[in-house]
PDB file of N, CA and C in Angstrom:
ATOM      1  N   MET A   1     -91.310  93.154 171.083  1.00  0.00           N
ATOM      2  CA  MET A   1     -92.467  93.747 170.477  1.00  0.00           C
ATOM      3  C   MET A   1     -92.047  95.050 170.608  1.00  0.00           C
ATOM      4  N   GLN A   2     -91.648  95.823 171.241  1.00  0.00           N
ATOM      5  CA  GLN A   2     -91.289  96.972 171.246  1.00  0.00           C
ATOM      6  C   GLN A   2     -90.280  97.681 170.552  1.00  0.00           C
ATOM      7  N   GLU A   3     -89.576  96.694 170.035  1.00  0.00           N
ATOM      8  CA  GLU A   3     -88.404  96.949 169.113  1.00  0.00           C
ATOM      9  C   GLU A   3     -89.018  96.784 167.970  1.00  0.00           C
ATOM     10  N   ALA A   4     -90.020  95.947 167.371  1.00  0.00           N
ATOM     11  CA  ALA A   4     -90.715  95.850 166.234  1.00  0.00           C
ATOM     12  C   ALA A   4     -91.645  96.848 165.671  1.00  0.00           C
ATOM     13  N   ALA A   5     -92.255  97.457 167.013  1.00  0.00           N
ATOM     14  CA  ALA A   5     -92.941  99.025 167.013  1.00  0.00           C
ATOM     15  C   ALA A   5     -91.869  99.692 166.789  1.00  0.00           C
ATOM     16  N   SER A   6     -90.999  99.636 167.119  1.00  0.00           N
ATOM     17  CA  SER A   6     -90.168 101.123 166.995  1.00  0.00           C
ATOM     18  C   SER A   6     -89.854 101.167 165.255  1.00  0.00           C
ATOM     19  N   LEU A   7     -89.567 100.442 164.307  1.00  0.00           N
ATOM     20  CA  LEU A   7     -89.562 100.405 163.286  1.00  0.00           C
ATOM     21  C   LEU A   7     -90.501 101.746 162.591  1.00  0.00           C
ATOM     22  N   ARG A   8     -89.554 102.288 161.749  1.00  0.00           N
ATOM     23  CA  ARG A   8     -89.842 102.978 161.173  1.00  0.00           C
ATOM     24  C   ARG A   8     -90.046 102.862 159.520  1.00  0.00           C
ATOM     25  N   ASP A   9     -88.863 102.261 159.101  1.00  0.00           N
ATOM     26  CA  ASP A   9     -88.518 102.412 157.103  1.00  0.00           C
ATOM     27  C   ASP A   9     -87.640 101.185 156.914  1.00  0.00           C
ATOM     28  N   PHE A  10     -88.234 100.599 156.257  1.00  0.00           N
ATOM     29  CA  PHE A  10     -87.274  99.436 155.446  1.00  0.00           C
ATOM     30  C   PHE A  10     -86.867  99.610 154.263  1.00  0.00           C
ATOM     31  N   ALA A  11     -87.162 101.065 154.143  1.00  0.00           N
ATOM     32  CA  ALA A  11     -86.888 101.671 152.358  1.00  0.00           C
ATOM     33  C   ALA A  11     -87.084 100.787 151.022  1.00  0.00           C
ATOM     34  N   ASP A  12     -86.403 100.045 150.835  1.00  0.00           N
ATOM     35  CA  ASP A  12     -87.134  98.796 149.299  1.00  0.00           C
ATOM     36  C   ASP A  12     -86.906  97.388 150.171  1.00  0.00           C
ATOM     37  N   LYS A  13     -86.383  97.511 150.898  1.00  0.00           N
ATOM     38  CA  LYS A  13     -86.536  95.789 151.547  1.00  0.00           C
ATOM     39  C   LYS A  13     -87.238  95.304 151.116  1.00  0.00           C
ATOM     40  N   PRO A  14     -87.565  93.462 150.610  1.00  0.00           N
ATOM     41  CA  PRO A  14     -88.937  93.319 150.884  1.00  0.00           C
ATOM     42  C   PRO A  14     -89.874  92.879 152.185  1.00  0.00           C
ATOM     43  N   LEU A  15     -90.414  93.074 152.275  1.00  0.00           N
ATOM     44  CA  LEU A  15     -91.190  92.824 153.131  1.00  0.00           C
ATOM     45  C   LEU A  15     -92.647  91.943 152.522  1.00  0.00           C
ATOM     46  N   ILE A  16     -93.162  91.025 153.227  1.00  0.00           N
ATOM     47  CA  ILE A  16     -94.615  90.583 153.124  1.00  0.00           C
ATOM     48  C   ILE A  16     -95.197  90.150 154.165  1.00  0.00           C
ATOM     49  N   VAL A  17     -96.479  90.667 154.921  1.00  0.00           N
ATOM     50  CA  VAL A  17     -97.355  90.729 155.736  1.00  0.00           C
ATOM     51  C   VAL A  17     -98.299  89.786 155.422  1.00  0.00           C
ATOM     52  N   LEU A  18     -97.701  88.847 156.627  1.00  0.00           N
ATOM     53  CA  LEU A  18     -98.662  87.592 156.652  1.00  0.00           C
ATOM     54  C   LEU A  18     -99.976  87.677 157.841  1.00  0.00           C
ATOM     55  N   THR A  19    -101.423  88.158 157.233  1.00  0.00           N
ATOM     56  CA  THR A  19    -102.165  87.743 158.092  1.00  0.00           C
ATOM     57  C   THR A  19    -103.149  86.681 158.239  1.00  0.00           C
ATOM     58  N   ALA A  20    -103.055  86.257 159.652  1.00  0.00           N
ATOM     59  CA  ALA A  20    -103.719  84.788 160.023  1.00  0.00           C
ATOM     60  C   ALA A  20    -105.450  85.706 160.042  1.00  0.00           C
ATOM     61  N   GLY A  21    -106.120  84.778 158.863  1.00  0.00           N
ATOM     62  CA  GLY A  21    -107.395  84.712 159.506  1.00  0.00           C
ATOM     63  C   GLY A  21    -108.542  86.249 159.515  1.00  0.00           C
ATOM     64  N   GLU A  22    -109.420  86.353 159.563  1.00  0.00           N
ATOM     65  CA  GLU A  22    -110.194  87.486 160.045  1.00  0.00           C
ATOM     66  C   GLU A  22    -110.016  87.757 161.249  1.00  0.00           C
ATOM     67  N   HIS A  23    -109.729  89.540 160.902  1.00  0.00           N
ATOM     68  CA  HIS A  23    -109.661  90.542 162.242  1.00  0.00           C
ATOM     69  C   HIS A  23    -110.311  91.866 162.210  1.00  0.00           C
ATOM     70  N   PRO A  24    -110.512  92.391 163.106  1.00  0.00           N
ATOM     71  CA  PRO A  24    -111.462  93.657 162.783  1.00  0.00           C
ATOM     72  C   PRO A  24    -110.325  94.853 162.060  1.00  0.00           C
ATOM     73  N   ALA A  25    -111.437  95.414 161.915  1.00  0.00           N
ATOM     74  CA  ALA A  25    -110.835  96.799 161.381  1.00  0.00           C
ATOM     75  C   ALA A  25    -109.702  97.406 161.481  1.00  0.00           C
ATOM     76  N   SER A  26    -109.473  97.568 162.909  1.00  0.00           N
ATOM     77  CA  SER A  26    -108.157  98.436 163.561  1.00  0.00           C
ATOM     78  C   SER A  26    -107.133  97.241 163.410  1.00  0.00           C
ATOM     79  N   TRP A  27    -107.315  96.009 163.465  1.00  0.00           N
ATOM     80  CA  TRP A  27    -106.311  95.233 163.293  1.00  0.00           C
ATOM     81  C   TRP A  27    -105.529  95.311 161.616  1.00  0.00           C
ATOM     82  N   MET A  28    -106.250  95.415 160.847  1.00  0.00           N
ATOM     83  CA  MET A  28    -106.036  95.173 159.869  1.00  0.00           C
ATOM     84  C   MET A  28    -105.870  96.645 159.182  1.00  0.00           C
ATOM     85  N   ALA A  29    -105.895  97.533 159.748  1.00  0.00           N
ATOM     86  CA  ALA A  29    -105.803  99.452 159.660  1.00  0.00           C
ATOM     87  C   ALA A  29    -103.971  99.086 160.201  1.00  0.00           C
ATOM     88  N   ALA A  30    -103.625  97.899 161.027  1.00  0.00           N
ATOM     89  CA  ALA A  30    -102.332  98.164 161.658  1.00  0.00           C
ATOM     90  C   ALA A  30    -101.341  97.432 160.566  1.00  0.00           C
ATOM     91  N   GLN A  31    -102.087  96.370 160.447  1.00  0.00           N
ATOM     92  CA  GLN A  31    -100.864  95.608 159.253  1.00  0.00           C
ATOM     93  C   GLN A  31    -100.804  96.108 157.809  1.00  0.00           C
ATOM     94  N   ASN A  32    -101.760  97.505 157.464  1.00  0.00           N
ATOM     95  CA  ASN A  32    -101.910  98.028 156.501  1.00  0.00           C
ATOM     96  C   ASN A  32    -100.565  99.207 156.372  1.00  0.00           C
ATOM     97  N   LYS A  33    -101.130  99.273 158.149  1.00  0.00           N
ATOM     98  CA  LYS A  33     -99.198 100.832 158.192  1.00  0.00           C
ATOM     99  C   LYS A  33     -98.000  99.864 158.097  1.00  0.00           C
ATOM    100  N   MET A  34     -98.002  98.313 158.336  1.00  0.00           N
ATOM    101  CA  MET A  34     -97.011  97.740 158.520  1.00  0.00           C
ATOM    102  C   MET A  34     -96.143  97.538 156.705  1.00  0.00           C
ATOM    103  N   LEU A  35     -97.282  97.693 155.740  1.00  0.00           N
ATOM    104  CA  LEU A  35     -96.917  97.389 154.527  1.00  0.00           C
ATOM    105  C   LEU A  35     -96.594  99.106 154.075  1.00  0.00           C
ATOM    106  N   THR A  36     -96.610  99.668 154.790  1.00  0.00           N
ATOM    107  CA  THR A  36     -95.910 101.248 154.620  1.00  0.00           C
ATOM    108  C   THR A  36     -94.608 101.313 155.139  1.00  0.00           C
ATOM    109  N   LEU A  37     -93.976 100.291 155.664  1.00  0.00           N
ATOM    110  CA  LEU A  37     -92.336 100.110 156.451  1.00  0.00           C
ATOM    111  C   LEU A  37     -91.637 100.231 154.875  1.00  0.00           C
ATOM    112  N   SER A  38     -92.029  99.314 153.936  1.00  0.00           N
ATOM    113  CA  SER A  38     -91.172  99.148 152.784  1.00  0.00           C
ATOM    114  C   SER A  38     -91.688  99.692 151.090  1.00  0.00           C
ATOM    115  N   THR A  39     -91.134  99.983 150.213  1.00  0.00           N
ATOM    116  CA  THR A  39     -91.846 100.516 148.992  1.00  0.00           C
ATOM    117  C   THR A  39     -92.016  99.319 148.210  1.00  0.00           C
ATOM    118  N   ASN A  40     -91.620  98.139 148.957  1.00  0.00           N
ATOM    119  CA  ASN A  40     -91.481  96.683 148.244  1.00  0.00           C
ATOM    120  C   ASN A  40     -91.986  96.107 149.258  1.00  0.00           C
ATOM    121  N   SER A  41     -93.726  95.780 149.685  1.00  0.00           N
ATOM    122  CA  SER A  41     -94.138  95.062 150.089  1.00  0.00           C
ATOM    123  C   SER A  41     -95.139  94.608 149.493  1.00  0.00           C
ATOM    124  N   ALA A  42     -95.983  93.533 150.344  1.00  0.00           N
ATOM    125  CA  ALA A  42     -96.996  93.228 149.830  1.00  0.00           C
ATOM    126  C   ALA A  42     -97.769  92.520 150.873  1.00  0.00           C
ATOM    127  N   GLN A  43     -99.081  92.066 150.822  1.00  0.00           N
ATOM    128  CA  GLN A  43     -99.754  91.193 151.785  1.00  0.00           C
ATOM    129  C   GLN A  43    -100.688  90.062 151.119  1.00  0.00           C
ATOM    130  N   GLN A  44    -100.344  89.198 152.186  1.00  0.00           N
ATOM    131  CA  GLN A  44    -101.349  88.052 152.216  1.00  0.00           C
ATOM    132  C   GLN A  44    -102.188  87.602 153.215  1.00  0.00           C
ATOM    133  N   ILE A  45    -103.351  87.223 152.974  1.00  0.00           N
ATOM    134  CA  ILE A  45    -104.626  87.109 154.113  1.00  0.00           C
ATOM    135  C   ILE A  45    -104.636  85.579 153.794  1.00  0.00           C
ATOM    136  N   VAL A  46    -104.247  84.854 155.005  1.00  0.00           N
ATOM    137  CA  VAL A  46    -104.502  83.505 154.850  1.00  0.00           C
ATOM    138  C   VAL A  46    -105.777  83.196 156.078  1.00  0.00           C
ATOM    139  N   ALA A  47    -106.662  83.043 154.878  1.00  0.00           N
ATOM    140  CA  ALA A  47    -108.193  83.435 155.452  1.00  0.00           C
ATOM    141  C   ALA A  47    -108.186  81.817 156.409  1.00  0.00           C
ATOM    142  N   GLY A  48    -109.107  81.524 157.459  1.00  0.00           N
ATOM    143  CA  GLY A  48    -108.882  80.684 158.281  1.00  0.00           C
ATOM    144  C   GLY A  48    -108.158  80.125 159.491  1.00  0.00           C
ATOM    145  N   ALA A  49    -106.912  80.531 159.642  1.00  0.00           N
ATOM    146  CA  ALA A  49    -105.476  80.344 159.996  1.00  0.00           C
ATOM    147  C   ALA A  49    -105.418  80.989 160.909  1.00  0.00           C
ATOM    148  N   THR A  50    -104.709  80.579 162.246  1.00  0.00           N
ATOM    149  CA  THR A  50    -104.379  81.201 163.474  1.00  0.00           C
ATOM    150  C   THR A  50    -102.739  81.450 163.109  1.00  0.00           C
ATOM    151  N   HIS A  51    -102.224  82.683 164.149  1.00  0.00           N
ATOM    152  CA  HIS A  51    -100.902  82.592 164.090  1.00  0.00           C
ATOM    153  C   HIS A  51     -99.802  81.471 164.263  1.00  0.00           C
ATOM    154  N   THR A  52    -100.583  80.490 164.894  1.00  0.00           N
ATOM    155  CA  THR A  52     -99.773  79.098 164.972  1.00  0.00           C
ATOM    156  C   THR A  52    -100.000  78.565 163.902  1.00  0.00           C
ATOM    157  N   ASP A  53    -101.131  78.426 163.174  1.00  0.00           N
ATOM    158  CA  ASP A  53    -101.122  77.827 162.391  1.00  0.00           C
ATOM    159  C   ASP A  53    -100.257  78.013 160.835  1.00  0.00           C
ATOM    160  N   LEU A  54    -100.031  79.363 160.784  1.00  0.00           N
ATOM    161  CA  LEU A  54     -99.201  79.504 160.024  1.00  0.00           C
ATOM    162  C   LEU A  54     -97.718  78.927 160.010  1.00  0.00           C
ATOM    163  N   VAL A  55     -97.485  78.419 161.109  1.00  0.00           N
ATOM    164  CA  VAL A  55     -96.308  77.595 161.160  1.00  0.00           C
ATOM    165  C   VAL A  55     -96.514  76.177 161.206  1.00  0.00           C
ATOM    166  N   LEU A  56     -97.425  75.781 162.444  1.00  0.00           N
ATOM    167  CA  LEU A  56     -97.592  74.355 162.320  1.00  0.00           C
ATOM    168  C   LEU A  56     -98.439  73.458 161.673  1.00  0.00           C
ATOM    169  N   GLU A  57     -99.352  74.151 161.072  1.00  0.00           N
ATOM    170  CA  GLU A  57    -100.490  73.324 160.486  1.00  0.00           C
ATOM    171  C   GLU A  57     -99.948  73.152 158.750  1.00  0.00           C
ATOM    172  N   GLU A  58     -99.569  72.084 158.357  1.00  0.00           N
ATOM    173  CA  GLU A  58     -99.274  72.084 156.781  1.00  0.00           C
ATOM    174  C   GLU A  58    -100.306  73.097 155.467  1.00  0.00           C
ATOM    175  N   GLU A  59    -101.396  72.948 155.750  1.00  0.00           N
ATOM    176  CA  GLU A  59    -102.296  73.508 154.899  1.00  0.00           C
ATOM    177  C   GLU A  59    -101.546  75.093 154.893  1.00  0.00           C
ATOM    178  N   TYR A  60    -101.875  75.569 156.140  1.00  0.00           N
ATOM    179  CA  TYR A  60    -101.319  76.863 156.485  1.00  0.00           C
ATOM    180  C   TYR A  60     -99.913  77.593 156.580  1.00  0.00           C
ATOM    181  N   ALA A  61     -99.088  76.768 156.471  1.00  0.00           N
ATOM    182  CA  ALA A  61     -97.440  76.671 156.462  1.00  0.00           C
ATOM    183  C   ALA A  61     -96.957  77.033 155.471  1.00  0.00           C
ATOM    184  N   ALA A  62     -97.452  76.081 154.557  1.00  0.00           N
ATOM    185  CA  ALA A  62     -97.383  76.740 153.038  1.00  0.00           C
ATOM    186  C   ALA A  62     -97.232  78.022 152.352  1.00  0.00           C
ATOM    187  N   PRO A  63     -98.233  78.999 152.970  1.00  0.00           N
ATOM    188  CA  PRO A  63     -98.252  80.215 152.437  1.00  0.00           C
ATOM    189  C   PRO A  63     -97.010  81.053 153.136  1.00  0.00           C
ATOM    190  N   THR A  64     -96.533  80.378 154.022  1.00  0.00           N
ATOM    191  CA  THR A  64     -95.533  81.303 155.265  1.00  0.00           C
ATOM    192  C   THR A  64     -94.226  81.087 154.593  1.00  0.00           C
ATOM    193  N   ALA A  65     -94.283  79.408 153.932  1.00  0.00           N
ATOM    194  CA  ALA A  65     -93.191  78.992 152.770  1.00  0.00           C
ATOM    195  C   ALA A  65     -92.780  79.746 152.154  1.00  0.00           C
ATOM    196  N   GLN A  66     -94.013  79.763 151.351  1.00  0.00           N
ATOM    197  CA  GLN A  66     -93.903  80.747 150.059  1.00  0.00           C
ATOM    198  C   GLN A  66     -93.564  81.783 150.436  1.00  0.00           C
ATOM    199  N   ALA A  67     -93.739  82.764 151.285  1.00  0.00           N
ATOM    200  CA  ALA A  67     -93.675  84.280 151.644  1.00  0.00           C
ATOM    201  C   ALA A  67     -92.165  84.297 151.870  1.00  0.00           C
ATOM    202  N   ILE A  68     -91.753  83.369 152.653  1.00  0.00           N
ATOM    203  CA  ILE A  68     -89.968  83.426 152.971  1.00  0.00           C
ATOM    204  C   ILE A  68     -89.549  83.414 151.531  1.00  0.00           C
ATOM    205  N   LEU A  69     -89.689  82.375 150.681  1.00  0.00           N
ATOM    206  CA  LEU A  69     -88.913  82.089 149.142  1.00  0.00           C
ATOM    207  C   LEU A  69     -89.258  83.233 148.560  1.00  0.00           C
ATOM    208  N   ALA A  70     -90.295  83.996 148.904  1.00  0.00           N
ATOM    209  CA  ALA A  70     -90.696  84.708 147.651  1.00  0.00           C
ATOM    210  C   ALA A  70     -89.336  85.987 148.267  1.00  0.00           C
ATOM    211  N   VAL A  71     -89.444  86.452 149.434  1.00  0.00           N
ATOM    212  CA  VAL A  71     -88.328  87.131 149.903  1.00  0.00           C
ATOM    213  C   VAL A  71     -86.959  86.901 149.508  1.00  0.00           C
ATOM    214  N   VAL A  72     -86.558  85.885 150.026  1.00  0.00           N
ATOM    215  CA  VAL A  72     -85.316  85.591 149.435  1.00  0.00           C
ATOM    216  C   VAL A  72     -84.774  85.686 147.818  1.00  0.00           C
ATOM    217  N   ASN A  73     -86.019  85.193 147.070  1.00  0.00           N
ATOM    218  CA  ASN A  73     -85.475  85.367 145.767  1.00  0.00           C
ATOM    219  C   ASN A  73     -85.553  86.879 145.623  1.00  0.00           C
ATOM    220  N   SER A  74     -86.535  88.066 145.713  1.00  0.00           N
ATOM    221  CA  SER A  74     -85.965  88.968 145.707  1.00  0.00           C
ATOM    222  C   SER A  74     -84.762  90.032 146.347  1.00  0.00           C
ATOM    223  N   VAL A  75     -84.487  89.193 147.272  1.00  0.00           N
ATOM    224  CA  VAL A  75     -82.911  89.966 147.739  1.00  0.00           C
ATOM    225  C   VAL A  75     -82.185  89.267 146.468  1.00  0.00           C
ATOM    226  N   ARG A  76     -82.374  87.839 146.378  1.00  0.00           N
ATOM    227  CA  ARG A  76     -81.136  87.298 145.606  1.00  0.00           C
ATOM    228  C   ARG A  76     -80.733  88.045 144.200  1.00  0.00           C
ATOM    229  N   HIS A  77     -82.093  87.925 143.813  1.00  0.00           N
ATOM    230  CA  HIS A  77     -81.987  88.685 142.320  1.00  0.00           C
ATOM    231  C   HIS A  77     -82.283  90.182 142.167  1.00  0.00           C
ATOM    232  N   ASP A  78     -81.945  90.947 143.279  1.00  0.00           N
ATOM    233  CA  ASP A  78     -82.480  92.417 143.211  1.00  0.00           C
ATOM    234  C   ASP A  78     -83.616  92.455 142.444  1.00  0.00           C
ATOM    235  N   ARG A  79     -84.437  91.885 142.716  1.00  0.00           N
ATOM    236  CA  ARG A  79     -85.790  92.575 141.898  1.00  0.00           C
ATOM    237  C   ARG A  79     -87.086  92.606 143.320  1.00  0.00           C
ATOM    238  N   PRO A  80     -87.998  93.216 142.509  1.00  0.00           N
ATOM    239  CA  PRO A  80     -88.746  93.719 143.670  1.00  0.00           C
ATOM    240  C   PRO A  80     -89.901  92.815 143.795  1.00  0.00           C
ATOM    241  N   LEU A  81     -90.514  92.171 144.582  1.00  0.00           N
ATOM    242  CA  LEU A  81     -91.838  91.237 145.175  1.00  0.00           C
ATOM    243  C   LEU A  81     -92.399  91.396 144.034  1.00  0.00           C
ATOM    244  N   SER A  82     -93.411  90.017 144.075  1.00  0.00           N
ATOM    245  CA  SER A  82     -94.257  90.276 143.160  1.00  0.00           C
ATOM    246  C   SER A  82     -95.708  90.171 144.143  1.00  0.00           C
ATOM    247  N   ARG A  83     -96.739  91.148 142.922  1.00  0.00           N
ATOM    248  CA  ARG A  83     -98.020  91.037 143.980  1.00  0.00           C
ATOM    249  C   ARG A  83     -99.074  90.709 143.659  1.00  0.00           C
TER     250      ARG A  83
END
């Protein structure tokens, strides 16, 4: 977690921030700050999900898989993420 917290710049590398469920304003501010690590970023809020659900529950894991595919597609085709 310390290593991740030390990151300051992804340049234009694709970055999707998945936010599980509802959070207080302070958490959302941190999520928004994470978006500024890349000039090629997007956020998706997955309402009703927990962090574990984003991987283990089919309903909520679908957005996770879609985000991974979007990042891979962005890299492979040297295109920005769709917003």
